[in-house]
C-alpha atoms as a PDB file:
ATOM      1  CA  MET A   1       0.000   0.000   0.000  1.00  0.00           C
ATOM      2  CA  SER A   2       1.294   3.436  -0.969  1.00  0.00           C
ATOM      3  CA  THR A   3       1.735   6.060   1.764  1.00  0.00           C
ATOM      4  CA  VAL A   4       1.272   9.830   1.640  1.00  0.00           C
ATOM      5  CA  GLY A   5       2.949  11.687   4.482  1.00  0.00           C
ATOM      6  CA  VAL A   6       1.490  14.984   5.676  1.00  0.00           C
ATOM      7  CA  ILE A   7       4.241  17.051   7.291  1.00  0.00           C
ATOM      8  CA  ASP A   8       3.172  18.221  10.757  1.00  0.00           C
ATOM      9  CA  TYR A   9       5.189  21.229  11.898  1.00  0.00           C
ATOM     10  CA  GLY A  10       2.468  22.633  14.123  1.00  0.00           C
ATOM     11  CA  MET A  11       0.980  25.096  11.625  1.00  0.00           C
ATOM     12  CA  GLY A  12      -1.570  23.736   9.359  1.00  0.00           C
ATOM     13  CA  ASN A  13      -4.823  22.515   8.114  1.00  0.00           C
ATOM     14  CA  LEU A  14      -3.623  18.981   8.857  1.00  0.00           C
ATOM     15  CA  HIS A  15      -6.995  17.343   9.466  1.00  0.00           C
ATOM     16  CA  SER A  16      -8.551  18.921   6.363  1.00  0.00           C
ATOM     17  CA  VAL A  17      -5.626  17.921   4.171  1.00  0.00           C
ATOM     18  CA  ALA A  18      -5.522  14.361   5.537  1.00  0.00           C
ATOM     19  CA  LYS A  19      -9.279  13.896   5.070  1.00  0.00           C
ATOM     20  CA  ALA A  20      -9.152  15.270   1.517  1.00  0.00           C
ATOM     21  CA  LEU A  21      -6.302  12.906   0.644  1.00  0.00           C
ATOM     22  CA  GLU A  22      -8.145   9.928   2.120  1.00  0.00           C
ATOM     23  CA  ARG A  23     -11.172  10.814   0.025  1.00  0.00           C
ATOM     24  CA  VAL A  24      -9.388  11.170  -3.332  1.00  0.00           C
ATOM     25  CA  ALA A  25      -6.665   8.548  -2.858  1.00  0.00           C
ATOM     26  CA  ASP A  26      -8.654   5.445  -2.008  1.00  0.00           C
ATOM     27  CA  GLY A  27      -6.348   2.600  -1.015  1.00  0.00           C
ATOM     28  CA  THR A  28      -3.577   4.977   0.022  1.00  0.00           C
ATOM     29  CA  ARG A  29      -2.434   5.212   3.617  1.00  0.00           C
ATOM     30  CA  VAL A  30      -2.290   8.826   4.859  1.00  0.00           C
ATOM     31  CA  VAL A  31      -0.064   9.586   7.853  1.00  0.00           C
ATOM     32  CA  VAL A  32       0.278  12.936   9.613  1.00  0.00           C
ATOM     33  CA  SER A  33       3.658  13.132  11.323  1.00  0.00           C
ATOM     34  CA  SER A  34       6.578  15.275  12.402  1.00  0.00           C
ATOM     35  CA  ASP A  35       8.853  12.219  12.695  1.00  0.00           C
ATOM     36  CA  PRO A  36      11.529  12.369   9.971  1.00  0.00           C
ATOM     37  CA  LYS A  37      11.750   8.559   9.773  1.00  0.00           C
ATOM     38  CA  VAL A  38       8.009   8.206   9.194  1.00  0.00           C
ATOM     39  CA  LEU A  39       7.980  10.988   6.604  1.00  0.00           C
ATOM     40  CA  LEU A  40      10.981   9.631   4.701  1.00  0.00           C
ATOM     41  CA  ARG A  41       9.271   6.221   4.411  1.00  0.00           C
ATOM     42  CA  ALA A  42       6.279   7.804   2.639  1.00  0.00           C
ATOM     43  CA  GLN A  43       6.208   7.577  -1.166  1.00  0.00           C
ATOM     44  CA  ARG A  44       4.682  11.060  -1.428  1.00  0.00           C
ATOM     45  CA  LEU A  45       4.637  14.116   0.845  1.00  0.00           C
ATOM     46  CA  VAL A  46       2.307  17.045   1.374  1.00  0.00           C
ATOM     47  CA  LEU A  47       3.490  20.252   3.046  1.00  0.00           C
ATOM     48  CA  PRO A  48       0.340  22.029   4.251  1.00  0.00           C
ATOM     49  CA  GLY A  49       0.162  25.253   6.190  1.00  0.00           C
ATOM     50  CA  VAL A  50      -1.852  28.144   7.469  1.00  0.00           C
ATOM     51  CA  GLY A  51      -0.307  31.366   8.723  1.00  0.00           C
ATOM     52  CA  ALA A  52       2.739  33.463   7.974  1.00  0.00           C
ATOM     53  CA  ILE A  53       5.725  32.187   5.987  1.00  0.00           C
ATOM     54  CA  ARG A  54       8.300  33.404   8.531  1.00  0.00           C
ATOM     55  CA  ASP A  55       6.637  31.316  11.260  1.00  0.00           C
ATOM     56  CA  CYS A  56       6.316  28.369   8.880  1.00  0.00           C
ATOM     57  CA  MET A  57      10.013  28.428   7.984  1.00  0.00           C
ATOM     58  CA  GLY A  58      10.978  28.921  11.637  1.00  0.00           C
ATOM     59  CA  GLU A  59       9.039  25.827  12.711  1.00  0.00           C
ATOM     60  CA  LEU A  60      10.291  23.707   9.808  1.00  0.00           C
ATOM     61  CA  ARG A  61      13.884  24.611  10.733  1.00  0.00           C
ATOM     62  CA  ARG A  62      13.364  24.188  14.488  1.00  0.00           C
ATOM     63  CA  LEU A  63      11.992  20.679  13.983  1.00  0.00           C
ATOM     64  CA  GLY A  64      14.562  19.723  11.315  1.00  0.00           C
ATOM     65  CA  LEU A  65      11.760  19.231   8.812  1.00  0.00           C
ATOM     66  CA  ASP A  66      13.327  21.624   6.308  1.00  0.00           C
ATOM     67  CA  ASP A  67      16.097  19.077   5.681  1.00  0.00           C
ATOM     68  CA  VAL A  68      13.595  16.204   5.607  1.00  0.00           C
ATOM     69  CA  THR A  69      11.518  18.069   3.010  1.00  0.00           C
ATOM     70  CA  ARG A  70      14.603  18.796   0.878  1.00  0.00           C
ATOM     71  CA  ARG A  71      15.742  15.155   1.048  1.00  0.00           C
ATOM     72  CA  ALA A  72      12.307  13.815   0.185  1.00  0.00           C
ATOM     73  CA  ALA A  73      11.935  16.218  -2.754  1.00  0.00           C
ATOM     74  CA  GLU A  74      14.969  14.627  -4.419  1.00  0.00           C
ATOM     75  CA  ASP A  75      13.163  11.392  -5.225  1.00  0.00           C
ATOM     76  CA  ARG A  76       9.405  11.634  -4.623  1.00  0.00           C
ATOM     77  CA  PRO A  77       6.424  13.860  -5.353  1.00  0.00           C
ATOM     78  CA  LEU A  78       5.920  16.781  -2.961  1.00  0.00           C
ATOM     79  CA  LEU A  79       2.816  18.993  -2.912  1.00  0.00           C
ATOM     80  CA  GLY A  80       2.704  22.345  -1.125  1.00  0.00           C
ATOM     81  CA  VAL A  81      -0.689  23.645   0.027  1.00  0.00           C
ATOM     82  CA  CYS A  82      -1.303  27.259   1.117  1.00  0.00           C
ATOM     83  CA  VAL A  83       1.751  28.540   2.989  1.00  0.00           C
ATOM     84  CA  GLY A  84       3.332  25.139   2.282  1.00  0.00           C
ATOM     85  CA  LEU A  85       3.488  26.134  -1.395  1.00  0.00           C
ATOM     86  CA  GLN A  86       5.203  29.400  -0.441  1.00  0.00           C
ATOM     87  CA  ALA A  87       7.759  27.404   1.552  1.00  0.00           C
ATOM     88  CA  LEU A  88       8.773  25.435  -1.548  1.00  0.00           C
ATOM     89  CA  MET A  89       9.833  28.598  -3.394  1.00  0.00           C
ATOM     90  CA  ASP A  90      13.168  30.476  -3.143  1.00  0.00           C
ATOM     91  CA  PHE A  91      11.799  33.601  -1.493  1.00  0.00           C
ATOM     92  CA  SER A  92       8.563  35.139  -0.224  1.00  0.00           C
ATOM     93  CA  ALA A  93       7.822  38.857   0.072  1.00  0.00           C
ATOM     94  CA  GLU A  94       5.672  38.131   3.136  1.00  0.00           C
ATOM     95  CA  ASN A  95       6.973  39.382   6.516  1.00  0.00           C
ATOM     96  CA  ASP A  96       9.308  41.897   4.817  1.00  0.00           C
ATOM     97  CA  GLY A  97      10.978  39.037   2.957  1.00  0.00           C
ATOM     98  CA  THR A  98      11.638  35.438   3.957  1.00  0.00           C
ATOM     99  CA  GLN A  99      14.099  32.914   2.537  1.00  0.00           C
ATOM    100  CA  CYS A 100      12.267  29.680   1.805  1.00  0.00           C
ATOM    101  CA  LEU A 101      13.325  26.096   0.983  1.00  0.00           C
ATOM    102  CA  GLY A 102      14.411  26.839  -2.588  1.00  0.00           C
ATOM    103  CA  LEU A 103      12.963  23.620  -4.010  1.00  0.00           C
ATOM    104  CA  VAL A 104      11.036  25.433  -6.751  1.00  0.00           C
ATOM    105  CA  PRO A 105      12.857  28.331  -8.426  1.00  0.00           C
ATOM    106  CA  GLY A 106      10.846  31.511  -8.122  1.00  0.00           C
ATOM    107  CA  LYS A 107       9.307  33.883  -5.634  1.00  0.00           C
ATOM    108  CA  VAL A 108       6.089  34.723  -3.834  1.00  0.00           C
ATOM    109  CA  SER A 109       4.769  38.271  -4.347  1.00  0.00           C
ATOM    110  CA  PHE A 110       2.169  40.413  -2.567  1.00  0.00           C
ATOM    111  CA  PHE A 111      -0.830  41.218  -4.779  1.00  0.00           C
ATOM    112  CA  ALA A 112      -0.872  44.912  -3.805  1.00  0.00           C
ATOM    113  CA  ASP A 113       2.776  45.396  -4.835  1.00  0.00           C
ATOM    114  CA  VAL A 114       2.061  44.066  -8.319  1.00  0.00           C
ATOM    115  CA  LEU A 115      -1.544  45.145  -8.869  1.00  0.00           C
ATOM    116  CA  ALA A 116      -1.362  48.811  -7.831  1.00  0.00           C
ATOM    117  CA  PRO A 117       0.894  49.949 -10.705  1.00  0.00           C
ATOM    118  CA  LYS A 118      -1.057  47.877 -13.272  1.00  0.00           C
ATOM    119  CA  LEU A 119      -4.627  48.705 -12.335  1.00  0.00           C
ATOM    120  CA  GLY A 120      -4.638  52.433 -11.721  1.00  0.00           C
ATOM    121  CA  THR A 121      -8.168  53.203 -10.595  1.00  0.00           C
ATOM    122  CA  GLU A 122      -9.554  49.642 -10.860  1.00  0.00           C
ATOM    123  CA  HIS A 123      -9.806  48.038  -7.436  1.00  0.00           C
ATOM    124  CA  LEU A 124      -9.434  44.364  -6.607  1.00  0.00           C
ATOM    125  CA  LYS A 125      -9.862  43.383  -2.970  1.00  0.00           C
ATOM    126  CA  ILE A 126      -6.936  41.913  -1.086  1.00  0.00           C
ATOM    127  CA  PRO A 127      -7.026  39.291   0.235  1.00  0.00           C
ATOM    128  CA  HIS A 128      -8.553  37.659  -2.789  1.00  0.00           C
ATOM    129  CA  MET A 129     -11.436  35.542  -1.504  1.00  0.00           C
ATOM    130  CA  GLY A 130     -13.665  33.718  -3.925  1.00  0.00           C
ATOM    131  CA  TRP A 131     -14.137  31.222  -6.702  1.00  0.00           C
ATOM    132  CA  ASN A 132     -11.897  31.409  -9.772  1.00  0.00           C
ATOM    133  CA  GLN A 133     -11.418  29.238 -12.811  1.00  0.00           C
ATOM    134  CA  VAL A 134      -8.187  27.262 -12.934  1.00  0.00           C
ATOM    135  CA  HIS A 135      -6.804  26.697 -16.417  1.00  0.00           C
ATOM    136  CA  GLN A 136      -4.637  23.601 -16.827  1.00  0.00           C
ATOM    137  CA  VAL A 137      -1.630  24.277 -19.058  1.00  0.00           C
ATOM    138  CA  GLY A 138      -0.738  20.662 -19.747  1.00  0.00           C
ATOM    139  CA  GLU A 139      -1.160  17.043 -18.786  1.00  0.00           C
ATOM    140  CA  HIS A 140      -0.393  16.362 -15.134  1.00  0.00           C
ATOM    141  CA  PRO A 141      -1.464  13.592 -12.729  1.00  0.00           C
ATOM    142  CA  LEU A 142      -2.721  16.307 -10.379  1.00  0.00           C
ATOM    143  CA  TRP A 143      -5.572  17.000 -12.804  1.00  0.00           C
ATOM    144  CA  GLN A 144      -6.883  13.429 -13.013  1.00  0.00           C
ATOM    145  CA  GLY A 145     -10.663  13.726 -12.728  1.00  0.00           C
ATOM    146  CA  VAL A 146     -10.616  17.553 -12.810  1.00  0.00           C
ATOM    147  CA  THR A 147     -12.161  19.280 -15.818  1.00  0.00           C
ATOM    148  CA  GLN A 148     -10.486  22.143 -17.675  1.00  0.00           C
ATOM    149  CA  ASP A 149     -11.349  25.589 -16.256  1.00  0.00           C
ATOM    150  CA  GLU A 150     -12.989  24.114 -13.166  1.00  0.00           C
ATOM    151  CA  ARG A 151     -13.568  26.580 -10.347  1.00  0.00           C
ATOM    152  CA  PHE A 152     -11.577  26.480  -7.093  1.00  0.00           C
ATOM    153  CA  TYR A 153     -11.953  28.582  -3.953  1.00  0.00           C
ATOM    154  CA  PHE A 154      -9.110  30.972  -3.113  1.00  0.00           C
ATOM    155  CA  VAL A 155      -8.219  32.921   0.031  1.00  0.00           C
ATOM    156  CA  HIS A 156      -4.829  34.609  -0.376  1.00  0.00           C
ATOM    157  CA  SER A 157      -2.912  37.881  -0.461  1.00  0.00           C
ATOM    158  CA  TYR A 158       0.225  36.446  -2.088  1.00  0.00           C
ATOM    159  CA  PHE A 159       0.834  34.567  -5.329  1.00  0.00           C
ATOM    160  CA  VAL A 160       3.621  32.410  -6.744  1.00  0.00           C
ATOM    161  CA  GLU A 161       5.802  33.622  -9.615  1.00  0.00           C
ATOM    162  CA  PRO A 162       7.848  30.620 -10.786  1.00  0.00           C
ATOM    163  CA  ALA A 163      11.160  31.299 -12.519  1.00  0.00           C
ATOM    164  CA  SER A 164      10.122  29.284 -15.575  1.00  0.00           C
ATOM    165  CA  ALA A 165       6.812  28.618 -17.324  1.00  0.00           C
ATOM    166  CA  ASP A 166       7.618  24.896 -17.510  1.00  0.00           C
ATOM    167  CA  LEU A 167       7.112  24.742 -13.717  1.00  0.00           C
ATOM    168  CA  VAL A 168       3.452  25.744 -14.075  1.00  0.00           C
ATOM    169  CA  ALA A 169       0.698  23.092 -14.072  1.00  0.00           C
ATOM    170  CA  ALA A 170      -2.189  25.590 -14.123  1.00  0.00           C
ATOM    171  CA  THR A 171      -3.019  29.274 -13.935  1.00  0.00           C
ATOM    172  CA  SER A 172      -5.766  31.423 -12.494  1.00  0.00           C
ATOM    173  CA  SER A 173      -6.262  35.136 -12.967  1.00  0.00           C
ATOM    174  CA  TYR A 174      -6.856  37.821 -10.338  1.00  0.00           C
ATOM    175  CA  GLY A 175      -5.424  40.970 -11.857  1.00  0.00           C
ATOM    176  CA  VAL A 176      -2.314  38.979 -12.773  1.00  0.00           C
ATOM    177  CA  THR A 177      -2.014  35.484 -14.213  1.00  0.00           C
END
């Protein structure tokens, strides 16, 4: 039986993520753990998170889970959710700038810093809260059973800007794409 490890560093939507994985990955064992040995035995990992990136990175480092995440990313799939996605990038603008894990080349930007110069008088609320279409840009196992341009719910003030377009599995637009 395949195992998905959910990285528990004390900041996250752990129960929600674990339940969602159990629902969509029938026959897969889902374990929530902060134990490096347990996590490194999992065939796949999920890095969830709720809160600020500086706190996230601080807890990952304090618990030694930053190194575990880097090691695991060398040879198995790793999915970042919410602030967990920010943590995978090189750098986040949140908290006046935070160095992240550097597993995915690119940065995380604050909507207001990017939108204000582009929009002029048009106003988009930050944080962005609502349903948006997600456009898949290619084949990816993540999209199995998900239709093109399906709507997902977003709550965020920051967005990922990968260093290369080939790192992108899908896009959504909220003033920027």
